[in-house]
C-alpha atoms as a PDB file:
ATOM      1  CA  MET A   1     -26.211  14.313 -13.079  1.00  0.00           C
ATOM      2  CA  ARG A   2     -24.945  16.426 -15.903  1.00  0.00           C
ATOM      3  CA  LEU A   3     -22.708  16.104 -18.812  1.00  0.00           C
ATOM      4  CA  LEU A   4     -21.674  18.868 -21.293  1.00  0.00           C
ATOM      5  CA  GLY A   5     -24.716  20.102 -22.998  1.00  0.00           C
ATOM      6  CA  GLU A   6     -27.272  17.653 -21.415  1.00  0.00           C
ATOM      7  CA  GLU A   7     -28.815  16.860 -18.165  1.00  0.00           C
ATOM      8  CA  TYR A   8     -30.249  13.616 -16.674  1.00  0.00           C
ATOM      9  CA  SER A   9     -33.306  13.542 -14.588  1.00  0.00           C
ATOM     10  CA  PRO A  10     -33.473  11.404 -11.366  1.00  0.00           C
ATOM     11  CA  ILE A  11     -35.221   8.717 -13.136  1.00  0.00           C
ATOM     12  CA  GLY A  12     -32.561   8.616 -15.898  1.00  0.00           C
ATOM     13  CA  GLN A  13     -34.449  10.392 -18.735  1.00  0.00           C
ATOM     14  CA  ARG A  14     -32.128  12.652 -20.574  1.00  0.00           C
ATOM     15  CA  LYS A  15     -33.586  16.141 -21.402  1.00  0.00           C
ATOM     16  CA  SER A  16     -31.950  18.641 -23.755  1.00  0.00           C
ATOM     17  CA  MET A  17     -30.302  21.661 -22.355  1.00  0.00           C
ATOM     18  CA  ALA A  18     -30.402  24.643 -24.632  1.00  0.00           C
ATOM     19  CA  PRO A  19     -27.098  26.882 -24.404  1.00  0.00           C
ATOM     20  CA  ALA A  20     -27.717  30.012 -22.463  1.00  0.00           C
ATOM     21  CA  ARG A  21     -28.172  33.110 -24.491  1.00  0.00           C
ATOM     22  CA  VAL A  22     -26.268  36.249 -23.358  1.00  0.00           C
ATOM     23  CA  PRO A  23     -27.502  39.607 -24.559  1.00  0.00           C
ATOM     24  CA  GLY A  24     -25.023  41.260 -27.124  1.00  0.00           C
ATOM     25  CA  LEU A  25     -23.264  38.125 -27.820  1.00  0.00           C
ATOM     26  CA  SER A  26     -23.377  36.002 -30.928  1.00  0.00           C
ATOM     27  CA  PRO A  27     -23.480  32.190 -30.282  1.00  0.00           C
ATOM     28  CA  GLY A  28     -20.183  30.487 -31.274  1.00  0.00           C
ATOM     29  CA  PRO A  29     -20.087  27.266 -33.244  1.00  0.00           C
ATOM     30  CA  ALA A  30     -21.717  24.239 -31.533  1.00  0.00           C
ATOM     31  CA  PRO A  31     -19.384  21.971 -29.677  1.00  0.00           C
ATOM     32  CA  PRO A  32     -18.804  18.430 -30.869  1.00  0.00           C
ATOM     33  CA  GLU A  33     -21.048  15.847 -29.344  1.00  0.00           C
ATOM     34  CA  VAL A  34     -19.825  14.957 -25.955  1.00  0.00           C
ATOM     35  CA  THR A  35     -20.820  11.478 -24.446  1.00  0.00           C
ATOM     36  CA  ARG A  36     -19.857   9.693 -21.349  1.00  0.00           C
ATOM     37  CA  MET A  37     -17.529   7.340 -23.198  1.00  0.00           C
ATOM     38  CA  SER A  38     -15.423  10.379 -24.569  1.00  0.00           C
ATOM     39  CA  ILE A  39     -14.583  11.779 -21.163  1.00  0.00           C
ATOM     40  CA  ILE A  40     -11.512  10.678 -19.236  1.00  0.00           C
ATOM     41  CA  ARG A  41     -12.684   9.711 -15.873  1.00  0.00           C
ATOM     42  CA  SER A  42      -9.637   7.731 -14.308  1.00  0.00           C
ATOM     43  CA  ILE A  43      -5.877   7.806 -14.049  1.00  0.00           C
ATOM     44  CA  ALA A  44      -5.764   4.490 -15.880  1.00  0.00           C
ATOM     45  CA  GLU A  45      -7.570   6.009 -18.899  1.00  0.00           C
ATOM     46  CA  LEU A  46      -5.518   9.111 -18.650  1.00  0.00           C
ATOM     47  CA  GLU A  47      -2.165   7.158 -18.764  1.00  0.00           C
ATOM     48  CA  ALA A  48      -3.411   4.947 -21.428  1.00  0.00           C
ATOM     49  CA  ARG A  49      -3.807   7.988 -23.722  1.00  0.00           C
ATOM     50  CA  TYR A  50      -0.544   9.737 -22.683  1.00  0.00           C
ATOM     51  CA  GLY A  51       1.692   6.741 -22.289  1.00  0.00           C
ATOM     52  CA  GLY A  52       1.861   6.437 -18.454  1.00  0.00           C
ATOM     53  CA  PRO A  53       4.850   7.093 -16.436  1.00  0.00           C
ATOM     54  CA  GLY A  54       7.147   5.257 -18.851  1.00  0.00           C
ATOM     55  CA  ALA A  55       6.469   8.015 -21.404  1.00  0.00           C
ATOM     56  CA  VAL A  56       7.933  10.797 -19.179  1.00  0.00           C
ATOM     57  CA  ALA A  57      11.398  11.904 -20.469  1.00  0.00           C
ATOM     58  CA  PRO A  58      14.366  11.787 -18.224  1.00  0.00           C
ATOM     59  CA  ALA A  59      14.549  15.581 -18.261  1.00  0.00           C
ATOM     60  CA  SER A  60      11.054  16.069 -17.013  1.00  0.00           C
ATOM     61  CA  THR A  61      12.116  14.503 -13.727  1.00  0.00           C
ATOM     62  CA  ALA A  62      15.790  15.356 -13.507  1.00  0.00           C
ATOM     63  CA  LYS A  63      14.831  19.150 -13.498  1.00  0.00           C
ATOM     64  CA  VAL A  64      12.816  18.921 -10.247  1.00  0.00           C
ATOM     65  CA  ALA A  65      14.501  20.117  -7.074  1.00  0.00           C
ATOM     66  CA  ASP A  66      13.091  20.432  -3.494  1.00  0.00           C
ATOM     67  CA  HIS A  67      14.896  23.737  -2.974  1.00  0.00           C
ATOM     68  CA  VAL A  68      16.193  26.772  -4.824  1.00  0.00           C
ATOM     69  CA  THR A  69      19.398  25.698  -6.732  1.00  0.00           C
ATOM     70  CA  PRO A  70      21.919  28.507  -7.715  1.00  0.00           C
ATOM     71  CA  GLU A  71      20.691  28.067 -11.241  1.00  0.00           C
ATOM     72  CA  TYR A  72      16.982  28.425 -10.273  1.00  0.00           C
ATOM     73  CA  ARG A  73      17.763  31.442  -8.139  1.00  0.00           C
ATOM     74  CA  ARG A  74      19.114  33.322 -11.183  1.00  0.00           C
ATOM     75  CA  PHE A  75      15.671  32.846 -12.766  1.00  0.00           C
ATOM     76  CA  ILE A  76      13.822  34.136  -9.743  1.00  0.00           C
ATOM     77  CA  GLU A  77      16.039  37.302  -9.366  1.00  0.00           C
ATOM     78  CA  ALA A  78      15.556  38.070 -13.163  1.00  0.00           C
ATOM     79  CA  ALA A  79      11.759  37.797 -13.096  1.00  0.00           C
ATOM     80  CA  PRO A  80       9.607  40.868 -13.065  1.00  0.00           C
ATOM     81  CA  PHE A  81       6.344  38.971 -13.066  1.00  0.00           C
ATOM     82  CA  LEU A  82       4.619  35.683 -11.675  1.00  0.00           C
ATOM     83  CA  ALA A  83       1.301  34.234 -11.408  1.00  0.00           C
ATOM     84  CA  LEU A  84       0.268  33.139  -7.918  1.00  0.00           C
ATOM     85  CA  ALA A  85      -2.160  30.262  -7.535  1.00  0.00           C
ATOM     86  CA  THR A  86      -4.016  29.656  -4.307  1.00  0.00           C
ATOM     87  CA  VAL A  87      -6.822  27.444  -3.082  1.00  0.00           C
ATOM     88  CA  GLY A  88      -9.593  28.116  -0.413  1.00  0.00           C
ATOM     89  CA  PRO A  89     -13.003  26.815   0.564  1.00  0.00           C
ATOM     90  CA  GLU A  90     -14.634  28.957  -2.179  1.00  0.00           C
ATOM     91  CA  GLY A  91     -12.412  27.546  -4.988  1.00  0.00           C
ATOM     92  CA  LEU A  92      -9.188  28.491  -6.822  1.00  0.00           C
ATOM     93  CA  ASP A  93      -7.549  31.738  -7.406  1.00  0.00           C
ATOM     94  CA  CYS A  94      -4.784  32.992  -9.800  1.00  0.00           C
ATOM     95  CA  SER A  95      -3.389  36.373  -9.244  1.00  0.00           C
ATOM     96  CA  PRO A  96      -0.667  38.411 -11.322  1.00  0.00           C
ATOM     97  CA  ARG A  97       2.099  39.741  -9.201  1.00  0.00           C
ATOM     98  CA  GLY A  98       4.798  41.963 -10.807  1.00  0.00           C
ATOM     99  CA  ASP A  99       7.464  44.378  -9.669  1.00  0.00           C
ATOM    100  CA  ARG A 100      11.070  45.301 -10.456  1.00  0.00           C
ATOM    101  CA  PRO A 101      13.209  42.218 -11.289  1.00  0.00           C
ATOM    102  CA  GLY A 102      14.311  40.569  -8.125  1.00  0.00           C
ATOM    103  CA  PHE A 103      11.099  41.678  -6.258  1.00  0.00           C
ATOM    104  CA  VAL A 104      10.825  38.070  -5.055  1.00  0.00           C
ATOM    105  CA  ARG A 105      13.603  37.670  -2.535  1.00  0.00           C
ATOM    106  CA  VAL A 106      15.454  34.299  -2.013  1.00  0.00           C
ATOM    107  CA  ALA A 107      15.840  34.286   1.844  1.00  0.00           C
ATOM    108  CA  ASP A 108      17.596  30.825   1.709  1.00  0.00           C
ATOM    109  CA  PRO A 109      17.260  27.937  -0.632  1.00  0.00           C
ATOM    110  CA  ARG A 110      13.921  26.875   0.994  1.00  0.00           C
ATOM    111  CA  ARG A 111      12.260  30.084   1.611  1.00  0.00           C
ATOM    112  CA  LEU A 112      11.014  32.998  -0.854  1.00  0.00           C
ATOM    113  CA  LEU A 113       9.717  36.282   0.265  1.00  0.00           C
ATOM    114  CA  LEU A 114       6.969  38.009  -1.879  1.00  0.00           C
ATOM    115  CA  PRO A 115       5.866  41.508  -0.924  1.00  0.00           C
ATOM    116  CA  ASP A 116       2.084  42.206  -1.375  1.00  0.00           C
ATOM    117  CA  ARG A 117       2.066  45.339  -3.235  1.00  0.00           C
ATOM    118  CA  ARG A 118      -1.022  47.456  -3.530  1.00  0.00           C
ATOM    119  CA  GLY A 119      -3.937  46.196  -5.651  1.00  0.00           C
ATOM    120  CA  ASN A 120      -7.716  46.121  -5.695  1.00  0.00           C
ATOM    121  CA  ASN A 121      -8.002  45.257  -1.996  1.00  0.00           C
ATOM    122  CA  ARG A 122     -10.000  42.088  -2.638  1.00  0.00           C
ATOM    123  CA  VAL A 123      -7.241  40.050  -0.892  1.00  0.00           C
ATOM    124  CA  ASP A 124      -8.519  36.794  -2.500  1.00  0.00           C
ATOM    125  CA  SER A 125      -5.191  35.078  -2.521  1.00  0.00           C
ATOM    126  CA  LEU A 126      -4.517  36.303   1.001  1.00  0.00           C
ATOM    127  CA  ARG A 127      -7.781  34.878   2.261  1.00  0.00           C
ATOM    128  CA  ASN A 128      -6.975  31.630   0.660  1.00  0.00           C
ATOM    129  CA  ILE A 129      -3.499  31.379   2.169  1.00  0.00           C
ATOM    130  CA  VAL A 130      -4.773  32.148   5.720  1.00  0.00           C
ATOM    131  CA  ARG A 131      -6.961  29.097   5.457  1.00  0.00           C
ATOM    132  CA  ASP A 132      -5.029  26.875   3.075  1.00  0.00           C
ATOM    133  CA  PRO A 133      -1.334  27.461   2.792  1.00  0.00           C
ATOM    134  CA  ARG A 134      -0.758  25.643  -0.601  1.00  0.00           C
ATOM    135  CA  VAL A 135       0.520  27.971  -3.297  1.00  0.00           C
ATOM    136  CA  GLY A 136       1.938  27.597  -6.872  1.00  0.00           C
ATOM    137  CA  LEU A 137       4.112  30.331  -8.534  1.00  0.00           C
ATOM    138  CA  LEU A 138       4.720  30.634 -12.124  1.00  0.00           C
ATOM    139  CA  PHE A 139       7.599  33.004 -13.018  1.00  0.00           C
ATOM    140  CA  LEU A 140       7.942  34.691 -16.460  1.00  0.00           C
ATOM    141  CA  ILE A 141      10.866  36.736 -17.728  1.00  0.00           C
ATOM    142  CA  PRO A 142      10.350  38.887 -20.939  1.00  0.00           C
ATOM    143  CA  GLY A 143      12.156  37.385 -23.904  1.00  0.00           C
ATOM    144  CA  ILE A 144      12.883  34.105 -22.245  1.00  0.00           C
ATOM    145  CA  GLY A 145      10.890  31.123 -23.464  1.00  0.00           C
ATOM    146  CA  ASN A 146      11.403  28.929 -20.388  1.00  0.00           C
ATOM    147  CA  THR A 147       9.172  29.544 -17.370  1.00  0.00           C
ATOM    148  CA  MET A 148       9.847  28.403 -13.840  1.00  0.00           C
ATOM    149  CA  ARG A 149       7.374  26.905 -11.342  1.00  0.00           C
ATOM    150  CA  VAL A 150       7.518  26.821  -7.546  1.00  0.00           C
ATOM    151  CA  ASN A 151       5.157  24.752  -5.352  1.00  0.00           C
ATOM    152  CA  GLY A 152       5.080  25.149  -1.663  1.00  0.00           C
ATOM    153  CA  ARG A 153       3.357  26.562   1.278  1.00  0.00           C
ATOM    154  CA  ALA A 154       2.962  30.096   2.417  1.00  0.00           C
ATOM    155  CA  VAL A 155       2.192  32.167   5.353  1.00  0.00           C
ATOM    156  CA  LEU A 156       1.615  35.981   5.728  1.00  0.00           C
ATOM    157  CA  GLU A 157       4.457  37.816   7.621  1.00  0.00           C
ATOM    158  CA  THR A 158       3.790  41.359   9.137  1.00  0.00           C
ATOM    159  CA  ALA A 159       7.081  41.836  11.183  1.00  0.00           C
ATOM    160  CA  PRO A 160       7.746  45.700  10.815  1.00  0.00           C
ATOM    161  CA  ALA A 161      11.366  45.161  10.074  1.00  0.00           C
ATOM    162  CA  LEU A 162      10.537  42.761   7.238  1.00  0.00           C
ATOM    163  CA  LEU A 163       7.916  45.089   5.651  1.00  0.00           C
ATOM    164  CA  ASP A 164      10.296  48.021   5.854  1.00  0.00           C
ATOM    165  CA  SER A 165      13.085  46.052   3.958  1.00  0.00           C
ATOM    166  CA  PHE A 166      10.560  45.800   1.095  1.00  0.00           C
ATOM    167  CA  ALA A 167       9.624  49.577   1.128  1.00  0.00           C
ATOM    168  CA  VAL A 168       9.694  51.445  -2.261  1.00  0.00           C
ATOM    169  CA  GLY A 169       9.378  55.283  -2.173  1.00  0.00           C
ATOM    170  CA  GLY A 170       8.482  55.057   1.543  1.00  0.00           C
ATOM    171  CA  GLN A 171       5.618  52.636   0.987  1.00  0.00           C
ATOM    172  CA  ALA A 172       6.062  49.354   2.593  1.00  0.00           C
ATOM    173  CA  PRO A 173       3.827  46.328   1.776  1.00  0.00           C
ATOM    174  CA  ARG A 174       1.093  45.392   4.380  1.00  0.00           C
ATOM    175  CA  CYS A 175       2.367  41.902   4.500  1.00  0.00           C
ATOM    176  CA  VAL A 176       5.019  39.606   2.917  1.00  0.00           C
ATOM    177  CA  LEU A 177       4.239  36.140   1.588  1.00  0.00           C
ATOM    178  CA  MET A 178       6.829  33.757   3.137  1.00  0.00           C
ATOM    179  CA  VAL A 179       6.854  30.628   0.866  1.00  0.00           C
ATOM    180  CA  THR A 180       8.348  27.442   2.138  1.00  0.00           C
ATOM    181  CA  VAL A 181       9.607  25.726  -1.170  1.00  0.00           C
ATOM    182  CA  GLU A 182       8.671  22.193  -1.802  1.00  0.00           C
ATOM    183  CA  GLU A 183       9.284  21.763  -5.506  1.00  0.00           C
ATOM    184  CA  VAL A 184      11.131  23.934  -8.081  1.00  0.00           C
ATOM    185  CA  TYR A 185      11.462  23.252 -11.912  1.00  0.00           C
ATOM    186  CA  PHE A 186      11.486  24.979 -15.155  1.00  0.00           C
ATOM    187  CA  GLN A 187       8.931  24.529 -17.848  1.00  0.00           C
ATOM    188  CA  CYS A 188       9.983  24.259 -21.427  1.00  0.00           C
ATOM    189  CA  ALA A 189       9.382  26.823 -23.882  1.00  0.00           C
ATOM    190  CA  ARG A 190       6.756  25.189 -26.085  1.00  0.00           C
ATOM    191  CA  ALA A 191       3.781  27.160 -24.757  1.00  0.00           C
ATOM    192  CA  LEU A 192       5.383  30.554 -25.069  1.00  0.00           C
ATOM    193  CA  ILE A 193       6.796  29.570 -28.613  1.00  0.00           C
ATOM    194  CA  ARG A 194       3.211  28.555 -29.833  1.00  0.00           C
ATOM    195  CA  SER A 195       1.573  31.671 -28.296  1.00  0.00           C
ATOM    196  CA  GLY A 196       4.227  34.065 -29.807  1.00  0.00           C
ATOM    197  CA  LEU A 197       4.167  35.769 -26.445  1.00  0.00           C
ATOM    198  CA  TRP A 198       7.369  37.938 -26.637  1.00  0.00           C
ATOM    199  CA  GLN A 199       6.924  38.563 -30.379  1.00  0.00           C
ATOM    200  CA  ALA A 200       6.165  42.173 -31.393  1.00  0.00           C
ATOM    201  CA  GLU A 201       3.861  40.975 -34.221  1.00  0.00           C
ATOM    202  CA  SER A 202       1.802  39.109 -31.690  1.00  0.00           C
ATOM    203  CA  HIS A 203       0.972  42.149 -29.626  1.00  0.00           C
ATOM    204  CA  VAL A 204      -2.711  43.203 -29.684  1.00  0.00           C
ATOM    205  CA  ASP A 205      -3.814  46.728 -30.311  1.00  0.00           C
ATOM    206  CA  PRO A 206      -5.651  47.801 -27.246  1.00  0.00           C
ATOM    207  CA  ALA A 207      -8.163  49.628 -29.159  1.00  0.00           C
ATOM    208  CA  THR A 208      -9.565  46.430 -30.450  1.00  0.00           C
ATOM    209  CA  LEU A 209     -10.556  45.226 -26.919  1.00  0.00           C
ATOM    210  CA  PRO A 210     -13.046  46.641 -24.470  1.00  0.00           C
ATOM    211  CA  THR A 211     -11.423  49.048 -21.794  1.00  0.00           C
ATOM    212  CA  PRO A 212     -11.674  48.507 -18.064  1.00  0.00           C
ATOM    213  CA  GLY A 213     -14.136  51.436 -17.926  1.00  0.00           C
ATOM    214  CA  GLN A 214     -16.281  49.902 -20.597  1.00  0.00           C
ATOM    215  CA  ILE A 215     -16.456  46.476 -18.664  1.00  0.00           C
ATOM    216  CA  LEU A 216     -17.363  48.149 -15.589  1.00  0.00           C
ATOM    217  CA  ALA A 217     -20.066  50.284 -17.071  1.00  0.00           C
ATOM    218  CA  ALA A 218     -21.551  47.197 -18.856  1.00  0.00           C
ATOM    219  CA  MET A 219     -21.487  45.315 -15.746  1.00  0.00           C
ATOM    220  CA  SER A 220     -22.880  47.920 -13.425  1.00  0.00           C
ATOM    221  CA  GLN A 221     -25.570  49.451 -15.780  1.00  0.00           C
ATOM    222  CA  GLY A 222     -23.501  52.601 -16.114  1.00  0.00           C
ATOM    223  CA  GLU A 223     -23.118  53.084 -12.268  1.00  0.00           C
ATOM    224  CA  VAL A 224     -19.359  52.352 -12.167  1.00  0.00           C
ATOM    225  CA  GLY A 225     -16.680  53.034 -14.802  1.00  0.00           C
ATOM    226  CA  GLY A 226     -17.015  54.701 -18.086  1.00  0.00           C
ATOM    227  CA  GLU A 227     -14.790  57.116 -20.006  1.00  0.00           C
ATOM    228  CA  ALA A 228     -14.012  59.148 -16.867  1.00  0.00           C
ATOM    229  CA  TYR A 229     -12.655  55.930 -15.078  1.00  0.00           C
ATOM    230  CA  ASP A 230     -10.434  55.159 -18.173  1.00  0.00           C
ATOM    231  CA  ARG A 231      -9.129  58.811 -18.392  1.00  0.00           C
ATOM    232  CA  SER A 232      -8.189  58.970 -14.766  1.00  0.00           C
ATOM    233  CA  TRP A 233      -6.716  55.355 -14.420  1.00  0.00           C
ATOM    234  CA  ALA A 234      -3.086  56.184 -15.474  1.00  0.00           C
ATOM    235  CA  ALA A 235      -2.791  58.885 -12.850  1.00  0.00           C
ATOM    236  CA  ARG A 236      -4.274  56.820 -10.204  1.00  0.00           C
ATOM    237  CA  ALA A 237      -1.885  53.823 -11.094  1.00  0.00           C
ATOM    238  CA  ARG A 238       1.153  56.111 -10.813  1.00  0.00           C
ATOM    239  CA  GLN A 239       0.152  57.251  -7.317  1.00  0.00           C
ATOM    240  CA  SER A 240      -0.627  53.817  -6.114  1.00  0.00           C
ATOM    241  CA  LEU A 241       1.922  51.478  -7.559  1.00  0.00           C
ATOM    242  CA  TRP A 242       3.474  50.767  -4.226  1.00  0.00           C
END
């Protein structure tokens, strides 16, 4: 049995676990001591700390719908970006999805259509959906603090007429996610206000972070990536957006 920072042998003797050292990284500050008593392990403990169902504000439940209302439809059709969460036997996955505003089509109040545009071809999300249809979508709209969440179940549609209806520049997606809506609601703006996500002064200079080419080179001992990868990426992206 293991808690953070320590391990217990089968006979109950605790032995220290030194933090793993990663070449090239400086160790951060030591975490505070964590004990069995400080970890929440039950719903009762969780509700005792957060106040339980009685602490939920009326607006937190009144906003929830089991279908896409006219108001929520306007959010979906204005959003150029969403995060898609899926679950499978290997674990969880969260994938960014973005396109022109309205790229998620509201087929009817209980069905959304999301084209699968070109990407890295790992198809992690799609593998998960084939085996477990549960999905979560988080929509973001630039400049808007509120986000919108959709929970439901998805299937992968490949009907030629449907794929062609999503074609851009003659390029149709290889499948379309058809999401049956089970729950829709907006999330308040606190997280985006705290993060300053849409504020220009919060933008990070790309030069202060590793480039994809540098990350690939470090991970592959120089066999993949590097400066050539970074130089050619913009042209590759323009040719393969859809």
